[in-house]
Amino acid sequence: MSENVRFVRMGIGSGPVPYQEAWEEQQRLHALRLADEIPDTVLLLEHPPVFTAGKRTKPEDLPLDGTPVVQVNRGGEGTWHGPGQLVGYPIVKLPEPMDVVAYVRRLEEALIRASADLGVATSRIEGRSGVWVLGAELPDARVDPAQVIDIGKLTLRMGLPLGIDPRLAGPEYAPSNAGQRGDDRKLAAIGVRVARGVTMHGFALNCNPDMTWFDRIIPCGIRDAGVGSLSTELGREVTVADTAPVVERRLAEVLAELPEPALSH
């Protein structure tokens, strides 16, 4: 991976970027990156309020009040984007042999490090993508075996059954919440697409959004956990402008660790 990853801030401080405009820019950059005409590029922006539905979205998880929904070709399920949320779209050429799971883990790692820099401890959770604040341990809790994730049937909610993968369990992942904790809270969502070896879509990190928007949907199809933000966790205002440079630095670190991809011919 080239260390010359380029960051482009669209709309941060100058107004949110409509979803369709950002999608068209992703497609333009994807073609240029595929042809090796630009380096790996990460768009960082805010959107106006919009609900998007990935390939695995269930109709019952979408808004019931007629709010428009944009169908998108990323993995994952339904989510919300809007002001106060830092959205990142990395347009990155992955090395061969292509390892999408490793790429998603790097995005998670960058956001875990960035959240720690800002004062919030986060984690991965077995069976779920994204970055999470773990609920408080419950004294004398009894684990419900029916709620324990079977890692051998893991999907990561990205649209592809991945089977058993030792990278998806173990000390870097908190155990699935089977009643031993209070509600876990999702701080950042991840949904990616890889076309011809180049990534699209990406992540959304909640900084200081109006959290009531999430009440209209089942975020990411997850019914047994909550949604959090940097501001709600810290009890003070943390803006997208505060967060963007921290995320840039951490993303640059983890993307630089990827091997250099071969040039197109």
C-alpha atoms as a PDB file:
ATOM      1  CA  MET A   1       0.000   0.000   0.000  1.00  0.00           C
ATOM      2  CA  SER A   2       1.415   3.368  -0.937  1.00  0.00           C
ATOM      3  CA  GLU A   3       2.009   5.669   1.992  1.00  0.00           C
ATOM      4  CA  ASN A   4       0.804   8.497  -0.254  1.00  0.00           C
ATOM      5  CA  VAL A   5      -2.857   7.918   0.472  1.00  0.00           C
ATOM      6  CA  ARG A   6      -4.780  11.079  -0.358  1.00  0.00           C
ATOM      7  CA  PHE A   7      -7.558  12.466   1.847  1.00  0.00           C
ATOM      8  CA  VAL A   8     -10.243  14.675   0.353  1.00  0.00           C
ATOM      9  CA  ARG A   9     -12.603  16.486   2.707  1.00  0.00           C
ATOM     10  CA  MET A  10     -15.901  17.073   0.942  1.00  0.00           C
ATOM     11  CA  GLY A  11     -18.290  19.389   2.708  1.00  0.00           C
ATOM     12  CA  ILE A  12     -16.783  19.279   6.203  1.00  0.00           C
ATOM     13  CA  GLY A  13     -17.295  22.805   7.435  1.00  0.00           C
ATOM     14  CA  SER A  14     -18.972  23.930   4.214  1.00  0.00           C
ATOM     15  CA  GLY A  15     -22.236  21.986   4.269  1.00  0.00           C
ATOM     16  CA  PRO A  16     -23.218  18.320   3.896  1.00  0.00           C
ATOM     17  CA  VAL A  17     -22.778  16.539   0.550  1.00  0.00           C
ATOM     18  CA  PRO A  18     -25.890  14.952  -1.044  1.00  0.00           C
ATOM     19  CA  TYR A  19     -25.620  11.173  -1.148  1.00  0.00           C
ATOM     20  CA  GLN A  20     -25.981  10.946  -4.939  1.00  0.00           C
ATOM     21  CA  GLU A  21     -23.222  13.516  -5.483  1.00  0.00           C
ATOM     22  CA  ALA A  22     -20.850  11.576  -3.262  1.00  0.00           C
ATOM     23  CA  TRP A  23     -21.778   8.299  -4.981  1.00  0.00           C
ATOM     24  CA  GLU A  24     -20.986   9.762  -8.403  1.00  0.00           C
ATOM     25  CA  GLU A  25     -17.646  11.000  -7.096  1.00  0.00           C
ATOM     26  CA  GLN A  26     -16.878   7.538  -5.713  1.00  0.00           C
ATOM     27  CA  GLN A  27     -17.539   5.994  -9.123  1.00  0.00           C
ATOM     28  CA  ARG A  28     -15.336   8.570 -10.866  1.00  0.00           C
ATOM     29  CA  LEU A  29     -12.461   7.983  -8.468  1.00  0.00           C
ATOM     30  CA  HIS A  30     -12.926   4.211  -8.649  1.00  0.00           C
ATOM     31  CA  ALA A  31     -12.332   4.274 -12.417  1.00  0.00           C
ATOM     32  CA  LEU A  32      -9.262   6.471 -12.011  1.00  0.00           C
ATOM     33  CA  ARG A  33      -7.802   4.280  -9.266  1.00  0.00           C
ATOM     34  CA  LEU A  34      -8.465   1.142 -11.299  1.00  0.00           C
ATOM     35  CA  ALA A  35      -6.399   2.687 -14.109  1.00  0.00           C
ATOM     36  CA  ASP A  36      -3.661   3.731 -11.642  1.00  0.00           C
ATOM     37  CA  GLU A  37      -4.217   7.375 -12.551  1.00  0.00           C
ATOM     38  CA  ILE A  38      -4.609   8.435  -8.909  1.00  0.00           C
ATOM     39  CA  PRO A  39      -3.276   7.120  -5.588  1.00  0.00           C
ATOM     40  CA  ASP A  40      -5.487   5.502  -2.978  1.00  0.00           C
ATOM     41  CA  THR A  41      -7.992   8.170  -2.003  1.00  0.00           C
ATOM     42  CA  VAL A  42     -10.306   8.569   0.985  1.00  0.00           C
ATOM     43  CA  LEU A  43     -13.329  10.876   0.827  1.00  0.00           C
ATOM     44  CA  LEU A  44     -14.352  12.294   4.208  1.00  0.00           C
ATOM     45  CA  LEU A  45     -17.692  14.079   4.446  1.00  0.00           C
ATOM     46  CA  GLU A  46     -21.070  14.573   6.031  1.00  0.00           C
ATOM     47  CA  HIS A  47     -24.380  13.829   4.312  1.00  0.00           C
ATOM     48  CA  PRO A  48     -27.754  15.492   4.684  1.00  0.00           C
ATOM     49  CA  PRO A  49     -30.151  13.104   6.486  1.00  0.00           C
ATOM     50  CA  VAL A  50     -30.578   9.958   4.362  1.00  0.00           C
ATOM     51  CA  PHE A  51     -31.387   6.294   4.935  1.00  0.00           C
ATOM     52  CA  THR A  52     -29.497   3.758   2.823  1.00  0.00           C
ATOM     53  CA  ALA A  53     -30.202   0.060   2.352  1.00  0.00           C
ATOM     54  CA  GLY A  54     -27.452  -2.477   1.608  1.00  0.00           C
ATOM     55  CA  LYS A  55     -27.971  -5.841  -0.042  1.00  0.00           C
ATOM     56  CA  ARG A  56     -29.065  -7.651   3.118  1.00  0.00           C
ATOM     57  CA  THR A  57     -31.617  -5.095   4.293  1.00  0.00           C
ATOM     58  CA  LYS A  58     -34.963  -6.505   5.386  1.00  0.00           C
ATOM     59  CA  PRO A  59     -38.091  -4.438   4.643  1.00  0.00           C
ATOM     60  CA  GLU A  60     -39.158  -4.524   8.285  1.00  0.00           C
ATOM     61  CA  ASP A  61     -35.904  -2.815   9.325  1.00  0.00           C
ATOM     62  CA  LEU A  62     -36.571   0.315   7.242  1.00  0.00           C
ATOM     63  CA  PRO A  63     -38.513   3.466   8.236  1.00  0.00           C
ATOM     64  CA  LEU A  64     -42.248   2.985   8.592  1.00  0.00           C
ATOM     65  CA  ASP A  65     -43.065   6.686   8.177  1.00  0.00           C
ATOM     66  CA  GLY A  66     -42.431   6.974   4.442  1.00  0.00           C
ATOM     67  CA  THR A  67     -38.955   8.503   4.779  1.00  0.00           C
ATOM     68  CA  PRO A  68     -37.086   7.977   1.473  1.00  0.00           C
ATOM     69  CA  VAL A  69     -34.524   5.183   1.320  1.00  0.00           C
ATOM     70  CA  VAL A  70     -31.602   4.954  -1.128  1.00  0.00           C
ATOM     71  CA  GLN A  71     -30.769   1.429  -2.327  1.00  0.00           C
ATOM     72  CA  VAL A  72     -26.993   0.950  -2.490  1.00  0.00           C
ATOM     73  CA  ASN A  73     -24.729  -1.826  -3.764  1.00  0.00           C
ATOM     74  CA  ARG A  74     -22.605  -2.227  -0.652  1.00  0.00           C
ATOM     75  CA  GLY A  75     -22.757  -5.134   1.744  1.00  0.00           C
ATOM     76  CA  GLY A  76     -24.563  -4.844   5.029  1.00  0.00           C
ATOM     77  CA  GLU A  77     -28.062  -3.718   5.889  1.00  0.00           C
ATOM     78  CA  GLY A  78     -29.934  -0.479   6.457  1.00  0.00           C
ATOM     79  CA  THR A  79     -28.418   2.553   8.138  1.00  0.00           C
ATOM     80  CA  TRP A  80     -28.732   6.312   8.489  1.00  0.00           C
ATOM     81  CA  HIS A  81     -26.310   9.048   7.452  1.00  0.00           C
ATOM     82  CA  GLY A  82     -26.565  12.682   8.372  1.00  0.00           C
ATOM     83  CA  PRO A  83     -25.008  15.774   9.933  1.00  0.00           C
ATOM     84  CA  GLY A  84     -22.789  15.050  12.907  1.00  0.00           C
ATOM     85  CA  GLN A  85     -21.584  11.769  11.415  1.00  0.00           C
ATOM     86  CA  LEU A  86     -18.165  11.419   9.787  1.00  0.00           C
ATOM     87  CA  VAL A  87     -18.554   9.302   6.656  1.00  0.00           C
ATOM     88  CA  GLY A  88     -15.474   7.864   4.966  1.00  0.00           C
ATOM     89  CA  TYR A  89     -15.296   6.367   1.485  1.00  0.00           C
ATOM     90  CA  PRO A  90     -11.857   4.798   0.883  1.00  0.00           C
ATOM     91  CA  ILE A  91     -11.122   4.155  -2.800  1.00  0.00           C
ATOM     92  CA  VAL A  92      -8.288   1.699  -2.273  1.00  0.00           C
ATOM     93  CA  LYS A  93      -6.683  -0.874  -4.565  1.00  0.00           C
ATOM     94  CA  LEU A  94      -6.300  -4.103  -2.591  1.00  0.00           C
ATOM     95  CA  PRO A  95      -3.258  -6.328  -3.103  1.00  0.00           C
ATOM     96  CA  GLU A  96      -3.535  -9.878  -4.449  1.00  0.00           C
ATOM     97  CA  PRO A  97      -4.539 -12.312  -3.133  1.00  0.00           C
ATOM     98  CA  MET A  98      -7.425 -10.077  -2.184  1.00  0.00           C
ATOM     99  CA  ASP A  99      -8.505 -10.308   1.459  1.00  0.00           C
ATOM    100  CA  VAL A 100     -11.677  -8.313   2.107  1.00  0.00           C
ATOM    101  CA  VAL A 101     -11.903  -9.456   5.731  1.00  0.00           C
ATOM    102  CA  ALA A 102      -8.423  -8.108   6.451  1.00  0.00           C
ATOM    103  CA  TYR A 103      -9.374  -4.815   4.813  1.00  0.00           C
ATOM    104  CA  VAL A 104     -12.513  -4.463   6.943  1.00  0.00           C
ATOM    105  CA  ARG A 105     -10.486  -5.248  10.043  1.00  0.00           C
ATOM    106  CA  ARG A 106      -8.074  -2.453   9.132  1.00  0.00           C
ATOM    107  CA  LEU A 107     -10.945   0.021   8.868  1.00  0.00           C
ATOM    108  CA  GLU A 108     -12.161  -1.151  12.268  1.00  0.00           C
ATOM    109  CA  GLU A 109      -8.662  -0.836  13.697  1.00  0.00           C
ATOM    110  CA  ALA A 110      -8.279   2.738  12.465  1.00  0.00           C
ATOM    111  CA  LEU A 111     -11.590   3.742  14.045  1.00  0.00           C
ATOM    112  CA  ILE A 112     -10.780   1.923  17.302  1.00  0.00           C
ATOM    113  CA  ARG A 113      -7.480   3.824  17.538  1.00  0.00           C
ATOM    114  CA  ALA A 114      -9.115   7.144  16.614  1.00  0.00           C
ATOM    115  CA  SER A 115     -11.871   6.667  19.181  1.00  0.00           C
ATOM    116  CA  ALA A 116      -9.257   5.930  21.852  1.00  0.00           C
ATOM    117  CA  ASP A 117      -7.379   9.101  20.887  1.00  0.00           C
ATOM    118  CA  LEU A 118     -10.615  11.020  21.490  1.00  0.00           C
ATOM    119  CA  GLY A 119     -11.233   9.327  24.839  1.00  0.00           C
ATOM    120  CA  VAL A 120     -13.647   6.480  24.047  1.00  0.00           C
ATOM    121  CA  ALA A 121     -12.646   2.836  24.521  1.00  0.00           C
ATOM    122  CA  THR A 122     -14.162   0.640  21.800  1.00  0.00           C
ATOM    123  CA  SER A 123     -13.955  -2.977  20.666  1.00  0.00           C
ATOM    124  CA  ARG A 124     -14.935  -5.502  18.045  1.00  0.00           C
ATOM    125  CA  ILE A 125     -17.661  -8.014  18.905  1.00  0.00           C
ATOM    126  CA  GLU A 126     -17.812 -11.604  17.682  1.00  0.00           C
ATOM    127  CA  GLY A 127     -20.241 -11.963  14.805  1.00  0.00           C
ATOM    128  CA  ARG A 128     -20.678  -8.242  14.157  1.00  0.00           C
ATOM    129  CA  SER A 129     -18.811  -5.770  12.011  1.00  0.00           C
ATOM    130  CA  GLY A 130     -18.131  -2.215  13.072  1.00  0.00           C
ATOM    131  CA  VAL A 131     -16.811  -0.582  16.221  1.00  0.00           C
ATOM    132  CA  TRP A 132     -18.598  -0.953  19.540  1.00  0.00           C
ATOM    133  CA  VAL A 133     -18.743   0.422  23.075  1.00  0.00           C
ATOM    134  CA  LEU A 134     -19.383  -2.573  25.317  1.00  0.00           C
ATOM    135  CA  GLY A 135     -22.235  -2.502  27.797  1.00  0.00           C
ATOM    136  CA  ALA A 136     -21.399  -2.699  31.498  1.00  0.00           C
ATOM    137  CA  GLU A 137     -20.886  -6.166  32.911  1.00  0.00           C
ATOM    138  CA  LEU A 138     -23.947  -7.331  34.829  1.00  0.00           C
ATOM    139  CA  PRO A 139     -23.241  -8.885  38.249  1.00  0.00           C
ATOM    140  CA  ASP A 140     -24.472 -12.457  38.640  1.00  0.00           C
ATOM    141  CA  ALA A 141     -25.564 -12.522  34.987  1.00  0.00           C
ATOM    142  CA  ARG A 142     -26.470 -15.874  33.446  1.00  0.00           C
ATOM    143  CA  VAL A 143     -25.344 -16.349  29.865  1.00  0.00           C
ATOM    144  CA  ASP A 144     -28.143 -17.424  27.540  1.00  0.00           C
ATOM    145  CA  PRO A 145     -26.677 -20.181  25.301  1.00  0.00           C
ATOM    146  CA  ALA A 146     -29.274 -19.397  22.640  1.00  0.00           C
ATOM    147  CA  GLN A 147     -27.720 -15.931  22.231  1.00  0.00           C
ATOM    148  CA  VAL A 148     -24.125 -17.098  21.849  1.00  0.00           C
ATOM    149  CA  ILE A 149     -22.766 -16.490  18.329  1.00  0.00           C
ATOM    150  CA  ASP A 150     -21.670 -19.617  16.440  1.00  0.00           C
ATOM    151  CA  ILE A 151     -18.450 -18.340  14.903  1.00  0.00           C
ATOM    152  CA  GLY A 152     -18.548 -21.115  12.316  1.00  0.00           C
ATOM    153  CA  LYS A 153     -21.671 -19.585  10.742  1.00  0.00           C
ATOM    154  CA  LEU A 154     -20.510 -15.996  10.889  1.00  0.00           C
ATOM    155  CA  THR A 155     -21.556 -13.612   8.123  1.00  0.00           C
ATOM    156  CA  LEU A 156     -20.132 -10.339   9.504  1.00  0.00           C
ATOM    157  CA  ARG A 157     -23.328  -8.770   8.106  1.00  0.00           C
ATOM    158  CA  MET A 158     -21.498  -7.806   4.924  1.00  0.00           C
ATOM    159  CA  GLY A 159     -23.514  -9.970   2.582  1.00  0.00           C
ATOM    160  CA  LEU A 160     -21.047 -12.829   2.228  1.00  0.00           C
ATOM    161  CA  PRO A 161     -21.020 -15.962   4.394  1.00  0.00           C
ATOM    162  CA  LEU A 162     -17.419 -16.225   5.478  1.00  0.00           C
ATOM    163  CA  GLY A 163     -17.328 -19.537   7.300  1.00  0.00           C
ATOM    164  CA  ILE A 164     -14.761 -20.191  10.009  1.00  0.00           C
ATOM    165  CA  ASP A 165     -11.972 -17.642  10.085  1.00  0.00           C
ATOM    166  CA  PRO A 166      -9.643 -17.462  13.101  1.00  0.00           C
ATOM    167  CA  ARG A 167      -9.302 -13.694  12.629  1.00  0.00           C
ATOM    168  CA  LEU A 168     -12.947 -13.238  13.571  1.00  0.00           C
ATOM    169  CA  ALA A 169     -12.694 -14.574  17.119  1.00  0.00           C
ATOM    170  CA  GLY A 170     -10.220 -14.618  19.971  1.00  0.00           C
ATOM    171  CA  PRO A 171      -8.735 -11.908  22.160  1.00  0.00           C
ATOM    172  CA  GLU A 172      -9.333  -9.051  19.694  1.00  0.00           C
ATOM    173  CA  TYR A 173     -13.083  -9.665  19.761  1.00  0.00           C
ATOM    174  CA  ALA A 174     -15.370  -9.300  22.746  1.00  0.00           C
ATOM    175  CA  PRO A 175     -17.739 -12.266  23.103  1.00  0.00           C
ATOM    176  CA  SER A 176     -21.225 -11.890  21.727  1.00  0.00           C
ATOM    177  CA  ASN A 177     -23.548 -10.371  24.304  1.00  0.00           C
ATOM    178  CA  ALA A 178     -25.591 -13.270  25.597  1.00  0.00           C
ATOM    179  CA  GLY A 179     -26.982 -11.494  28.631  1.00  0.00           C
ATOM    180  CA  GLN A 180     -23.721 -10.939  30.482  1.00  0.00           C
ATOM    181  CA  ARG A 181     -23.615  -7.187  29.670  1.00  0.00           C
ATOM    182  CA  GLY A 182     -25.957  -4.261  29.395  1.00  0.00           C
ATOM    183  CA  ASP A 183     -26.704  -2.984  25.900  1.00  0.00           C
ATOM    184  CA  ASP A 184     -23.686  -2.711  23.604  1.00  0.00           C
ATOM    185  CA  ARG A 185     -23.649   0.492  21.549  1.00  0.00           C
ATOM    186  CA  LYS A 186     -22.495   0.722  17.940  1.00  0.00           C
ATOM    187  CA  LEU A 187     -20.271   3.753  17.459  1.00  0.00           C
ATOM    188  CA  ALA A 188     -19.234   3.142  13.847  1.00  0.00           C
ATOM    189  CA  ALA A 189     -20.812   1.142  11.030  1.00  0.00           C
ATOM    190  CA  ILE A 190     -18.901  -0.417   8.148  1.00  0.00           C
ATOM    191  CA  GLY A 191     -20.251  -1.561   4.784  1.00  0.00           C
ATOM    192  CA  VAL A 192     -17.959  -2.084   1.805  1.00  0.00           C
ATOM    193  CA  ARG A 193     -17.989  -3.159  -1.816  1.00  0.00           C
ATOM    194  CA  VAL A 194     -14.982  -4.331  -3.813  1.00  0.00           C
ATOM    195  CA  ALA A 195     -15.218  -4.087  -7.607  1.00  0.00           C
ATOM    196  CA  ARG A 196     -12.296  -5.310  -9.724  1.00  0.00           C
ATOM    197  CA  GLY A 197     -10.033  -5.162  -6.703  1.00  0.00           C
ATOM    198  CA  VAL A 198     -10.814  -1.542  -5.753  1.00  0.00           C
ATOM    199  CA  THR A 199     -12.895  -0.667  -2.698  1.00  0.00           C
ATOM    200  CA  MET A 200     -15.960   1.572  -2.468  1.00  0.00           C
ATOM    201  CA  HIS A 201     -18.332   2.689   0.310  1.00  0.00           C
ATOM    202  CA  GLY A 202     -16.761   2.448   3.757  1.00  0.00           C
ATOM    203  CA  PHE A 203     -17.594   3.622   7.273  1.00  0.00           C
ATOM    204  CA  ALA A 204     -19.728   6.030   9.281  1.00  0.00           C
ATOM    205  CA  LEU A 205     -18.546   7.231  12.712  1.00  0.00           C
ATOM    206  CA  ASN A 206     -21.088   8.933  14.949  1.00  0.00           C
ATOM    207  CA  CYS A 207     -19.619  12.162  16.335  1.00  0.00           C
ATOM    208  CA  ASN A 208     -22.528  14.382  17.403  1.00  0.00           C
ATOM    209  CA  PRO A 209     -25.557  13.482  15.265  1.00  0.00           C
ATOM    210  CA  ASP A 210     -29.196  13.812  16.269  1.00  0.00           C
ATOM    211  CA  MET A 211     -29.533  10.281  17.629  1.00  0.00           C
ATOM    212  CA  THR A 212     -33.328  10.260  17.269  1.00  0.00           C
ATOM    213  CA  TRP A 213     -32.901   9.525  13.546  1.00  0.00           C
ATOM    214  CA  PHE A 214     -31.856   5.988  14.478  1.00  0.00           C
ATOM    215  CA  ASP A 215     -35.196   5.457  16.209  1.00  0.00           C
ATOM    216  CA  ARG A 216     -36.895   5.222  12.801  1.00  0.00           C
ATOM    217  CA  ILE A 217     -35.018   2.109  11.663  1.00  0.00           C
ATOM    218  CA  ILE A 218     -33.367  -1.048  12.976  1.00  0.00           C
ATOM    219  CA  PRO A 219     -29.753   0.068  12.381  1.00  0.00           C
ATOM    220  CA  CYS A 220     -27.796  -2.600  10.503  1.00  0.00           C
ATOM    221  CA  GLY A 221     -30.660  -5.017  11.239  1.00  0.00           C
ATOM    222  CA  ILE A 222     -29.469  -5.388  14.850  1.00  0.00           C
ATOM    223  CA  ARG A 223     -32.344  -5.491  17.335  1.00  0.00           C
ATOM    224  CA  ASP A 224     -30.539  -6.404  20.547  1.00  0.00           C
ATOM    225  CA  ALA A 225     -28.092  -3.504  20.856  1.00  0.00           C
ATOM    226  CA  GLY A 226     -28.043   0.277  20.738  1.00  0.00           C
ATOM    227  CA  VAL A 227     -26.305   3.091  18.886  1.00  0.00           C
ATOM    228  CA  GLY A 228     -23.824   5.502  20.445  1.00  0.00           C
ATOM    229  CA  SER A 229     -21.765   8.542  19.490  1.00  0.00           C
ATOM    230  CA  LEU A 230     -18.509  10.079  20.641  1.00  0.00           C
ATOM    231  CA  SER A 231     -20.488  12.937  22.186  1.00  0.00           C
ATOM    232  CA  THR A 232     -22.968  10.760  24.095  1.00  0.00           C
ATOM    233  CA  GLU A 233     -20.186   8.537  25.408  1.00  0.00           C
ATOM    234  CA  LEU A 234     -18.002  11.438  26.549  1.00  0.00           C
ATOM    235  CA  GLY A 235     -20.769  13.725  27.757  1.00  0.00           C
ATOM    236  CA  ARG A 236     -19.416  16.645  25.740  1.00  0.00           C
ATOM    237  CA  GLU A 237     -19.634  17.892  22.169  1.00  0.00           C
ATOM    238  CA  VAL A 238     -17.266  16.173  19.726  1.00  0.00           C
ATOM    239  CA  THR A 239     -17.759  17.460  16.193  1.00  0.00           C
ATOM    240  CA  VAL A 240     -16.946  16.017  12.792  1.00  0.00           C
ATOM    241  CA  ALA A 241     -14.326  18.751  12.369  1.00  0.00           C
ATOM    242  CA  ASP A 242     -12.714  17.640  15.649  1.00  0.00           C
ATOM    243  CA  THR A 243     -12.731  14.004  14.573  1.00  0.00           C
ATOM    244  CA  ALA A 244     -11.659  14.138  10.904  1.00  0.00           C
ATOM    245  CA  PRO A 245      -7.919  14.831  11.420  1.00  0.00           C
ATOM    246  CA  VAL A 246      -7.665  12.076  14.034  1.00  0.00           C
ATOM    247  CA  VAL A 247      -9.333   9.554  11.719  1.00  0.00           C
ATOM    248  CA  GLU A 248      -7.128  10.666   8.826  1.00  0.00           C
ATOM    249  CA  ARG A 249      -3.975   9.995  10.829  1.00  0.00           C
ATOM    250  CA  ARG A 250      -5.115   6.577  11.998  1.00  0.00           C
ATOM    251  CA  LEU A 251      -6.396   5.530   8.567  1.00  0.00           C
ATOM    252  CA  ALA A 252      -3.094   6.531   7.005  1.00  0.00           C
ATOM    253  CA  GLU A 253      -1.329   4.289   9.532  1.00  0.00           C
ATOM    254  CA  VAL A 254      -3.358   1.157   8.926  1.00  0.00           C
ATOM    255  CA  LEU A 255      -3.628   1.538   5.143  1.00  0.00           C
ATOM    256  CA  ALA A 256       0.137   1.941   4.923  1.00  0.00           C
ATOM    257  CA  GLU A 257       0.451  -1.541   6.436  1.00  0.00           C
ATOM    258  CA  LEU A 258      -1.183  -3.188   3.408  1.00  0.00           C
ATOM    259  CA  PRO A 259       1.200  -4.654   0.795  1.00  0.00           C
ATOM    260  CA  GLU A 260       1.701  -2.658  -2.390  1.00  0.00           C
ATOM    261  CA  PRO A 261      -0.762  -3.810  -5.122  1.00  0.00           C
ATOM    262  CA  ALA A 262       0.468  -4.664  -8.591  1.00  0.00           C
ATOM    263  CA  LEU A 263       0.071  -2.016 -11.305  1.00  0.00           C
ATOM    264  CA  SER A 264      -2.631  -2.488 -13.936  1.00  0.00           C
ATOM    265  CA  HIS A 265      -1.534  -3.454 -17.426  1.00  0.00           C
END
